[in-house]
Amino acid sequence: MKMKRILFFLVIMLFGLAACGQSDKQGSGDDNADPQPLEVDLQVPEQADSGEAVSMTAKVTQGGENVGDADEVEFEIWQEGAKDDSEMIEAEYQEDGVYGIEKNFEADGTYVVQSHVTARQMHIMPKKSIVIGSAEDGDKEDTKEGHSHGDDESTGEDDSAHHHHDDLAVELDAPDTLTVHEESEVTVSVNQDEEPLTGANVTLEIYHNPDEDPQWVNLTEGDNGIYAGNVTFEHSGEHEITIHVKKGDLHTHQEATLAVEE
């Protein structure tokens, strides 16, 4: 009789362990799921008067949920044609995933406002323009550009672009053939003083049509300063790529062009 009781309890324990194992597996189904991308809704007035306090905000979300724990949110502001003299202003958290600043513009003109959002190991930097005073709308800078193209712009004749920013070297590499609607891996190597730059946030801002919103791709760091990510191009033809590299006070933009086939 005692042996039967022992066997009965052993059977109950085995059933309980099996149920716990199934529950654990069911509960961990999303553990390996890829994180959803950050989304930033940048709100900048189209026009304002000089000397007026202008409020600008960036609402940060991920998967439809507000992000109130961003590592850093800054607004970079520069007058058209004067990117090198840009001003960086740290935003304050307000509520419901909204970060904001107030800025007084002392001179008339067209200004570019770019929010730099770093959160949850991702980095995204949308831009908008604001006209101050009597500046004409037609004078607006094309806000997809991090800076005006110069002699170092990639021609797109091959699938890599190599640029230098002071002691920084950035190289974009992609397959010889890129096909529309097919996923392709692209990589960016970043070196500083001829040594791999590690621990940076590297993001691609991809444009096919300047009138459309860009596609943002956050790259994942690998070995030796190599950052990689998968891109699916929805259109054939040339795509302009802005490579954003940020680490601490270091923040640079580099330009490249990729051709996508049908």
C-alpha atoms as a PDB file:
ATOM      1  CA  MET A   1       0.000   0.000   0.000  1.00  0.00           C
ATOM      2  CA  LYS A   2       2.842   2.378   0.866  1.00  0.00           C
ATOM      3  CA  MET A   3       4.572   1.548  -2.437  1.00  0.00           C
ATOM      4  CA  LYS A   4       1.401   2.457  -4.367  1.00  0.00           C
ATOM      5  CA  ARG A   5       1.241   5.845  -2.640  1.00  0.00           C
ATOM      6  CA  ILE A   6       4.871   6.549  -3.507  1.00  0.00           C
ATOM      7  CA  LEU A   7       4.269   5.634  -7.157  1.00  0.00           C
ATOM      8  CA  PHE A   8       1.152   7.823  -7.196  1.00  0.00           C
ATOM      9  CA  PHE A   9       3.069  10.879  -5.927  1.00  0.00           C
ATOM     10  CA  LEU A  10       5.896  10.243  -8.398  1.00  0.00           C
ATOM     11  CA  VAL A  11       3.424  10.227 -11.290  1.00  0.00           C
ATOM     12  CA  ILE A  12       1.863  13.493 -10.080  1.00  0.00           C
ATOM     13  CA  MET A  13       5.309  15.117  -9.829  1.00  0.00           C
ATOM     14  CA  LEU A  14       6.257  14.008 -13.337  1.00  0.00           C
ATOM     15  CA  PHE A  15       3.045  15.461 -14.776  1.00  0.00           C
ATOM     16  CA  GLY A  16       3.694  18.727 -12.930  1.00  0.00           C
ATOM     17  CA  LEU A  17       7.245  19.013 -14.275  1.00  0.00           C
ATOM     18  CA  ALA A  18       6.070  18.336 -17.820  1.00  0.00           C
ATOM     19  CA  ALA A  19       3.392  21.041 -17.533  1.00  0.00           C
ATOM     20  CA  CYS A  20       5.930  23.545 -16.227  1.00  0.00           C
ATOM     21  CA  GLY A  21       8.268  22.781 -19.111  1.00  0.00           C
ATOM     22  CA  GLN A  22       5.528  23.372 -21.674  1.00  0.00           C
ATOM     23  CA  SER A  23       4.511  26.594 -19.942  1.00  0.00           C
ATOM     24  CA  ASP A  24       8.104  27.849 -19.974  1.00  0.00           C
ATOM     25  CA  LYS A  25       8.425  27.128 -23.677  1.00  0.00           C
ATOM     26  CA  GLN A  26       5.163  28.870 -24.457  1.00  0.00           C
ATOM     27  CA  GLY A  27       6.170  31.888 -22.388  1.00  0.00           C
ATOM     28  CA  SER A  28       9.523  32.263 -24.109  1.00  0.00           C
ATOM     29  CA  GLY A  29       8.290  32.156 -27.679  1.00  0.00           C
ATOM     30  CA  ASP A  30       9.175  35.792 -28.298  1.00  0.00           C
ATOM     31  CA  ASP A  31      12.510  35.802 -26.496  1.00  0.00           C
ATOM     32  CA  ASN A  32      14.458  35.636 -29.765  1.00  0.00           C
ATOM     33  CA  ALA A  33      12.209  37.979 -31.698  1.00  0.00           C
ATOM     34  CA  ASP A  34      13.911  40.912 -33.375  1.00  0.00           C
ATOM     35  CA  PRO A  35      13.265  44.222 -31.589  1.00  0.00           C
ATOM     36  CA  GLN A  36      10.850  46.527 -33.326  1.00  0.00           C
ATOM     37  CA  PRO A  37      12.351  49.705 -34.816  1.00  0.00           C
ATOM     38  CA  LEU A  38      12.164  53.085 -33.160  1.00  0.00           C
ATOM     39  CA  GLU A  39       9.824  55.640 -34.648  1.00  0.00           C
ATOM     40  CA  VAL A  40      10.224  59.387 -34.160  1.00  0.00           C
ATOM     41  CA  ASP A  41       7.502  61.914 -34.927  1.00  0.00           C
ATOM     42  CA  LEU A  42       9.356  65.207 -35.227  1.00  0.00           C
ATOM     43  CA  GLN A  43       7.110  68.256 -34.844  1.00  0.00           C
ATOM     44  CA  VAL A  44       8.556  71.559 -36.072  1.00  0.00           C
ATOM     45  CA  PRO A  45       6.476  74.627 -37.106  1.00  0.00           C
ATOM     46  CA  GLU A  46       6.732  75.474 -40.795  1.00  0.00           C
ATOM     47  CA  GLN A  47       7.235  79.167 -40.033  1.00  0.00           C
ATOM     48  CA  ALA A  48       7.896  81.514 -37.114  1.00  0.00           C
ATOM     49  CA  ASP A  49       9.034  85.082 -36.426  1.00  0.00           C
ATOM     50  CA  SER A  50      12.564  85.968 -35.422  1.00  0.00           C
ATOM     51  CA  GLY A  51      12.934  86.524 -31.684  1.00  0.00           C
ATOM     52  CA  GLU A  52       9.970  84.253 -30.997  1.00  0.00           C
ATOM     53  CA  ALA A  53      10.326  81.241 -28.697  1.00  0.00           C
ATOM     54  CA  VAL A  54       9.637  78.210 -30.874  1.00  0.00           C
ATOM     55  CA  SER A  55       8.660  74.861 -29.345  1.00  0.00           C
ATOM     56  CA  MET A  56       9.798  71.702 -31.115  1.00  0.00           C
ATOM     57  CA  THR A  57       9.168  68.121 -30.037  1.00  0.00           C
ATOM     58  CA  ALA A  58      10.089  64.562 -30.917  1.00  0.00           C
ATOM     59  CA  LYS A  59       7.699  61.787 -29.922  1.00  0.00           C
ATOM     60  CA  VAL A  60       9.546  58.488 -29.621  1.00  0.00           C
ATOM     61  CA  THR A  61       7.725  55.161 -29.887  1.00  0.00           C
ATOM     62  CA  GLN A  62       8.581  51.517 -30.410  1.00  0.00           C
ATOM     63  CA  GLY A  63       5.923  49.082 -31.549  1.00  0.00           C
ATOM     64  CA  GLY A  64       3.246  51.665 -30.800  1.00  0.00           C
ATOM     65  CA  GLU A  65       4.428  52.092 -27.199  1.00  0.00           C
ATOM     66  CA  ASN A  66       5.829  55.371 -25.856  1.00  0.00           C
ATOM     67  CA  VAL A  67       9.575  55.391 -25.134  1.00  0.00           C
ATOM     68  CA  GLY A  68      10.304  57.370 -21.985  1.00  0.00           C
ATOM     69  CA  ASP A  69      13.770  55.952 -21.312  1.00  0.00           C
ATOM     70  CA  ALA A  70      15.765  57.198 -24.306  1.00  0.00           C
ATOM     71  CA  ASP A  71      19.507  57.357 -23.685  1.00  0.00           C
ATOM     72  CA  GLU A  72      19.778  60.690 -25.468  1.00  0.00           C
ATOM     73  CA  VAL A  73      17.553  63.066 -27.431  1.00  0.00           C
ATOM     74  CA  GLU A  74      19.134  66.148 -28.953  1.00  0.00           C
ATOM     75  CA  PHE A  75      18.074  68.716 -31.526  1.00  0.00           C
ATOM     76  CA  GLU A  76      20.695  69.881 -34.003  1.00  0.00           C
ATOM     77  CA  ILE A  77      19.842  73.198 -35.678  1.00  0.00           C
ATOM     78  CA  TRP A  78      21.639  75.060 -38.424  1.00  0.00           C
ATOM     79  CA  GLN A  79      20.881  77.802 -40.918  1.00  0.00           C
ATOM     80  CA  GLU A  80      20.748  76.756 -44.531  1.00  0.00           C
ATOM     81  CA  GLY A  81      24.245  76.519 -45.949  1.00  0.00           C
ATOM     82  CA  ALA A  82      25.924  76.657 -42.534  1.00  0.00           C
ATOM     83  CA  LYS A  83      25.897  73.052 -41.329  1.00  0.00           C
ATOM     84  CA  ASP A  84      29.390  73.414 -39.856  1.00  0.00           C
ATOM     85  CA  ASP A  85      28.016  76.057 -37.445  1.00  0.00           C
ATOM     86  CA  SER A  86      25.165  73.907 -36.175  1.00  0.00           C
ATOM     87  CA  GLU A  87      23.960  74.131 -32.576  1.00  0.00           C
ATOM     88  CA  MET A  88      23.175  71.025 -30.535  1.00  0.00           C
ATOM     89  CA  ILE A  89      20.473  71.355 -27.838  1.00  0.00           C
ATOM     90  CA  GLU A  90      19.642  68.592 -25.383  1.00  0.00           C
ATOM     91  CA  ALA A  91      15.912  67.882 -25.181  1.00  0.00           C
ATOM     92  CA  GLU A  92      13.963  67.462 -21.966  1.00  0.00           C
ATOM     93  CA  TYR A  93      11.517  64.638 -21.425  1.00  0.00           C
ATOM     94  CA  GLN A  94       7.933  65.860 -21.121  1.00  0.00           C
ATOM     95  CA  GLU A  95       5.460  62.985 -21.079  1.00  0.00           C
ATOM     96  CA  ASP A  96       4.032  60.166 -23.192  1.00  0.00           C
ATOM     97  CA  GLY A  97       7.291  59.611 -25.085  1.00  0.00           C
ATOM     98  CA  VAL A  98       7.626  63.308 -26.010  1.00  0.00           C
ATOM     99  CA  TYR A  99      10.950  65.148 -25.749  1.00  0.00           C
ATOM    100  CA  GLY A 100      11.114  68.866 -26.464  1.00  0.00           C
ATOM    101  CA  ILE A 101      13.061  72.099 -26.610  1.00  0.00           C
ATOM    102  CA  GLU A 102      12.410  75.816 -27.063  1.00  0.00           C
ATOM    103  CA  LYS A 103      14.603  77.870 -29.358  1.00  0.00           C
ATOM    104  CA  ASN A 104      14.797  81.580 -30.188  1.00  0.00           C
ATOM    105  CA  PHE A 105      15.878  82.295 -33.767  1.00  0.00           C
ATOM    106  CA  GLU A 106      17.483  85.732 -33.922  1.00  0.00           C
ATOM    107  CA  ALA A 107      17.910  86.033 -37.702  1.00  0.00           C
ATOM    108  CA  ASP A 108      15.545  85.500 -40.621  1.00  0.00           C
ATOM    109  CA  GLY A 109      16.264  82.556 -42.875  1.00  0.00           C
ATOM    110  CA  THR A 110      15.576  78.888 -43.442  1.00  0.00           C
ATOM    111  CA  TYR A 111      16.820  76.524 -40.762  1.00  0.00           C
ATOM    112  CA  VAL A 112      17.133  72.755 -40.613  1.00  0.00           C
ATOM    113  CA  VAL A 113      16.100  70.970 -37.415  1.00  0.00           C
ATOM    114  CA  GLN A 114      17.334  67.412 -36.938  1.00  0.00           C
ATOM    115  CA  SER A 115      16.466  65.321 -33.918  1.00  0.00           C
ATOM    116  CA  HIS A 116      19.054  62.795 -32.775  1.00  0.00           C
ATOM    117  CA  VAL A 117      17.409  59.995 -30.816  1.00  0.00           C
ATOM    118  CA  THR A 118      19.425  57.206 -29.213  1.00  0.00           C
ATOM    119  CA  ALA A 119      17.396  54.579 -27.376  1.00  0.00           C
ATOM    120  CA  ARG A 120      17.433  50.823 -26.860  1.00  0.00           C
ATOM    121  CA  GLN A 121      20.617  50.374 -28.905  1.00  0.00           C
ATOM    122  CA  MET A 122      19.107  52.173 -31.899  1.00  0.00           C
ATOM    123  CA  HIS A 123      19.699  55.585 -33.413  1.00  0.00           C
ATOM    124  CA  ILE A 124      17.361  57.569 -35.658  1.00  0.00           C
ATOM    125  CA  MET A 125      17.632  61.152 -36.916  1.00  0.00           C
ATOM    126  CA  PRO A 126      14.690  62.661 -38.851  1.00  0.00           C
ATOM    127  CA  LYS A 127      14.881  66.249 -40.146  1.00  0.00           C
ATOM    128  CA  LYS A 128      12.521  69.104 -40.969  1.00  0.00           C
ATOM    129  CA  SER A 129      12.866  72.733 -42.044  1.00  0.00           C
ATOM    130  CA  ILE A 130      11.515  75.906 -40.489  1.00  0.00           C
ATOM    131  CA  VAL A 131      11.304  79.332 -42.141  1.00  0.00           C
ATOM    132  CA  ILE A 132      12.043  82.272 -39.869  1.00  0.00           C
ATOM    133  CA  GLY A 133      10.765  85.708 -40.785  1.00  0.00           C
ATOM    134  CA  SER A 134      10.609  86.683 -44.433  1.00  0.00           C
ATOM    135  CA  ALA A 135      12.645  83.825 -45.937  1.00  0.00           C
ATOM    136  CA  GLU A 136      10.989  82.310 -48.991  1.00  0.00           C
ATOM    137  CA  ASP A 137       9.706  78.739 -48.860  1.00  0.00           C
ATOM    138  CA  GLY A 138      11.504  78.095 -52.118  1.00  0.00           C
ATOM    139  CA  ASP A 139      14.810  78.680 -50.377  1.00  0.00           C
ATOM    140  CA  LYS A 140      14.346  75.704 -48.101  1.00  0.00           C
ATOM    141  CA  GLU A 141      17.223  73.268 -47.931  1.00  0.00           C
ATOM    142  CA  ASP A 142      16.416  69.752 -49.099  1.00  0.00           C
ATOM    143  CA  THR A 143      16.093  68.220 -45.650  1.00  0.00           C
ATOM    144  CA  LYS A 144      17.155  64.767 -46.699  1.00  0.00           C
ATOM    145  CA  GLU A 145      20.732  66.035 -46.937  1.00  0.00           C
ATOM    146  CA  GLY A 146      22.986  65.906 -43.874  1.00  0.00           C
ATOM    147  CA  HIS A 147      25.137  68.463 -45.719  1.00  0.00           C
ATOM    148  CA  SER A 148      25.593  69.719 -49.248  1.00  0.00           C
ATOM    149  CA  HIS A 149      27.241  67.264 -51.605  1.00  0.00           C
ATOM    150  CA  GLY A 150      30.844  68.063 -52.386  1.00  0.00           C
ATOM    151  CA  ASP A 151      33.631  66.518 -54.409  1.00  0.00           C
ATOM    152  CA  ASP A 152      33.704  63.502 -52.090  1.00  0.00           C
ATOM    153  CA  GLU A 153      30.191  62.347 -53.012  1.00  0.00           C
ATOM    154  CA  SER A 154      30.025  58.771 -54.235  1.00  0.00           C
ATOM    155  CA  THR A 155      29.277  58.422 -57.941  1.00  0.00           C
ATOM    156  CA  GLY A 156      27.568  55.071 -57.514  1.00  0.00           C
ATOM    157  CA  GLU A 157      29.770  53.475 -60.183  1.00  0.00           C
ATOM    158  CA  ASP A 158      30.548  50.650 -57.786  1.00  0.00           C
ATOM    159  CA  ASP A 159      28.841  49.418 -54.650  1.00  0.00           C
ATOM    160  CA  SER A 160      31.155  50.970 -52.085  1.00  0.00           C
ATOM    161  CA  ALA A 161      32.001  54.500 -51.014  1.00  0.00           C
ATOM    162  CA  HIS A 162      35.065  55.454 -49.009  1.00  0.00           C
ATOM    163  CA  HIS A 163      35.125  58.814 -47.227  1.00  0.00           C
ATOM    164  CA  HIS A 164      37.277  60.505 -44.620  1.00  0.00           C
ATOM    165  CA  HIS A 165      36.122  62.859 -41.883  1.00  0.00           C
ATOM    166  CA  ASP A 166      39.230  64.160 -40.170  1.00  0.00           C
ATOM    167  CA  ASP A 167      40.734  60.942 -38.770  1.00  0.00           C
ATOM    168  CA  LEU A 168      37.610  58.857 -39.482  1.00  0.00           C
ATOM    169  CA  ALA A 169      37.272  56.457 -42.415  1.00  0.00           C
ATOM    170  CA  VAL A 170      33.829  55.066 -43.327  1.00  0.00           C
ATOM    171  CA  GLU A 171      33.307  52.434 -46.012  1.00  0.00           C
ATOM    172  CA  LEU A 172      29.931  51.159 -47.234  1.00  0.00           C
ATOM    173  CA  ASP A 173      29.923  47.758 -48.921  1.00  0.00           C
ATOM    174  CA  ALA A 174      27.039  45.965 -50.642  1.00  0.00           C
ATOM    175  CA  PRO A 175      26.642  42.997 -53.018  1.00  0.00           C
ATOM    176  CA  ASP A 176      27.653  43.553 -56.651  1.00  0.00           C
ATOM    177  CA  THR A 177      24.004  43.182 -57.646  1.00  0.00           C
ATOM    178  CA  LEU A 178      21.079  44.555 -55.641  1.00  0.00           C
ATOM    179  CA  THR A 179      17.612  43.415 -56.730  1.00  0.00           C
ATOM    180  CA  VAL A 180      14.324  45.085 -55.875  1.00  0.00           C
ATOM    181  CA  HIS A 181      12.183  43.281 -53.249  1.00  0.00           C
ATOM    182  CA  GLU A 182      15.061  40.965 -52.288  1.00  0.00           C
ATOM    183  CA  GLU A 183      16.771  41.212 -48.906  1.00  0.00           C
ATOM    184  CA  SER A 184      20.462  42.080 -49.130  1.00  0.00           C
ATOM    185  CA  GLU A 185      23.102  42.463 -46.455  1.00  0.00           C
ATOM    186  CA  VAL A 186      25.087  45.690 -46.409  1.00  0.00           C
ATOM    187  CA  THR A 187      28.027  46.478 -44.165  1.00  0.00           C
ATOM    188  CA  VAL A 188      29.792  49.602 -42.995  1.00  0.00           C
ATOM    189  CA  SER A 189      33.362  49.526 -41.732  1.00  0.00           C
ATOM    190  CA  VAL A 190      34.401  52.394 -39.472  1.00  0.00           C
ATOM    191  CA  ASN A 191      38.009  53.163 -38.580  1.00  0.00           C
ATOM    192  CA  GLN A 192      39.485  55.999 -36.570  1.00  0.00           C
ATOM    193  CA  ASP A 193      43.226  56.670 -36.652  1.00  0.00           C
ATOM    194  CA  GLU A 194      43.463  53.493 -38.756  1.00  0.00           C
ATOM    195  CA  GLU A 195      41.986  51.450 -35.879  1.00  0.00           C
ATOM    196  CA  PRO A 196      38.497  49.853 -35.839  1.00  0.00           C
ATOM    197  CA  LEU A 197      35.911  52.076 -34.160  1.00  0.00           C
ATOM    198  CA  THR A 198      33.804  49.948 -31.812  1.00  0.00           C
ATOM    199  CA  GLY A 199      30.741  50.754 -29.739  1.00  0.00           C
ATOM    200  CA  ALA A 200      29.257  53.216 -32.233  1.00  0.00           C
ATOM    201  CA  ASN A 201      25.674  53.651 -33.398  1.00  0.00           C
ATOM    202  CA  VAL A 202      25.656  53.249 -37.170  1.00  0.00           C
ATOM    203  CA  THR A 203      22.450  53.939 -39.100  1.00  0.00           C
ATOM    204  CA  LEU A 204      21.585  54.104 -42.791  1.00  0.00           C
ATOM    205  CA  GLU A 205      19.138  56.726 -44.062  1.00  0.00           C
ATOM    206  CA  ILE A 206      17.976  55.557 -47.496  1.00  0.00           C
ATOM    207  CA  TYR A 207      16.144  57.684 -50.070  1.00  0.00           C
ATOM    208  CA  HIS A 208      14.754  56.659 -53.440  1.00  0.00           C
ATOM    209  CA  ASN A 209      12.546  59.703 -53.854  1.00  0.00           C
ATOM    210  CA  PRO A 210      13.329  62.924 -51.956  1.00  0.00           C
ATOM    211  CA  ASP A 211       9.593  63.614 -51.606  1.00  0.00           C
ATOM    212  CA  GLU A 212       9.037  60.384 -49.665  1.00  0.00           C
ATOM    213  CA  ASP A 213       9.998  59.441 -46.119  1.00  0.00           C
ATOM    214  CA  PRO A 214      13.358  57.698 -45.870  1.00  0.00           C
ATOM    215  CA  GLN A 215      13.935  54.090 -44.943  1.00  0.00           C
ATOM    216  CA  TRP A 216      15.989  53.759 -41.758  1.00  0.00           C
ATOM    217  CA  VAL A 217      18.202  50.756 -41.082  1.00  0.00           C
ATOM    218  CA  ASN A 218      20.003  50.311 -37.762  1.00  0.00           C
ATOM    219  CA  LEU A 219      23.158  48.273 -38.215  1.00  0.00           C
ATOM    220  CA  THR A 220      24.427  45.685 -35.732  1.00  0.00           C
ATOM    221  CA  GLU A 221      28.030  45.747 -34.609  1.00  0.00           C
ATOM    222  CA  GLY A 222      30.219  42.771 -35.443  1.00  0.00           C
ATOM    223  CA  ASP A 223      33.978  42.375 -35.223  1.00  0.00           C
ATOM    224  CA  ASN A 224      36.737  44.847 -36.073  1.00  0.00           C
ATOM    225  CA  GLY A 225      34.552  47.925 -36.513  1.00  0.00           C
ATOM    226  CA  ILE A 226      32.201  46.223 -38.997  1.00  0.00           C
ATOM    227  CA  TYR A 227      28.484  47.026 -38.734  1.00  0.00           C
ATOM    228  CA  ALA A 228      25.941  45.002 -40.726  1.00  0.00           C
ATOM    229  CA  GLY A 229      22.235  44.959 -41.513  1.00  0.00           C
ATOM    230  CA  ASN A 230      19.712  43.642 -44.013  1.00  0.00           C
ATOM    231  CA  VAL A 231      17.956  45.959 -46.452  1.00  0.00           C
ATOM    232  CA  THR A 232      15.034  45.299 -48.775  1.00  0.00           C
ATOM    233  CA  PHE A 233      14.711  47.910 -51.521  1.00  0.00           C
ATOM    234  CA  GLU A 234      11.131  48.548 -52.658  1.00  0.00           C
ATOM    235  CA  HIS A 235      12.097  50.453 -55.808  1.00  0.00           C
ATOM    236  CA  SER A 236      14.575  49.973 -58.606  1.00  0.00           C
ATOM    237  CA  GLY A 237      16.995  52.700 -59.645  1.00  0.00           C
ATOM    238  CA  GLU A 238      19.478  54.792 -57.710  1.00  0.00           C
ATOM    239  CA  HIS A 239      19.151  55.214 -53.951  1.00  0.00           C
ATOM    240  CA  GLU A 240      20.969  57.875 -51.970  1.00  0.00           C
ATOM    241  CA  ILE A 241      22.396  56.662 -48.695  1.00  0.00           C
ATOM    242  CA  THR A 242      23.375  58.778 -45.709  1.00  0.00           C
ATOM    243  CA  ILE A 243      25.563  56.852 -43.281  1.00  0.00           C
ATOM    244  CA  HIS A 244      25.220  58.156 -39.727  1.00  0.00           C
ATOM    245  CA  VAL A 245      27.996  57.296 -37.266  1.00  0.00           C
ATOM    246  CA  LYS A 246      27.711  58.364 -33.652  1.00  0.00           C
ATOM    247  CA  LYS A 247      29.759  57.601 -30.554  1.00  0.00           C
ATOM    248  CA  GLY A 248      29.864  60.028 -27.650  1.00  0.00           C
ATOM    249  CA  ASP A 249      30.804  63.449 -28.986  1.00  0.00           C
ATOM    250  CA  LEU A 250      31.686  61.954 -32.362  1.00  0.00           C
ATOM    251  CA  HIS A 251      28.893  62.389 -34.880  1.00  0.00           C
ATOM    252  CA  THR A 252      29.395  62.347 -38.621  1.00  0.00           C
ATOM    253  CA  HIS A 253      27.364  61.848 -41.801  1.00  0.00           C
ATOM    254  CA  GLN A 254      28.718  60.337 -44.992  1.00  0.00           C
ATOM    255  CA  GLU A 255      27.020  60.016 -48.376  1.00  0.00           C
ATOM    256  CA  ALA A 256      26.883  57.168 -50.876  1.00  0.00           C
ATOM    257  CA  THR A 257      24.759  55.931 -53.768  1.00  0.00           C
ATOM    258  CA  LEU A 258      23.536  52.411 -54.515  1.00  0.00           C
ATOM    259  CA  ALA A 259      21.890  51.175 -57.735  1.00  0.00           C
ATOM    260  CA  VAL A 260      19.059  48.639 -57.486  1.00  0.00           C
ATOM    261  CA  GLU A 261      17.973  46.457 -60.419  1.00  0.00           C
ATOM    262  CA  GLU A 262      14.520  45.198 -61.344  1.00  0.00           C
END
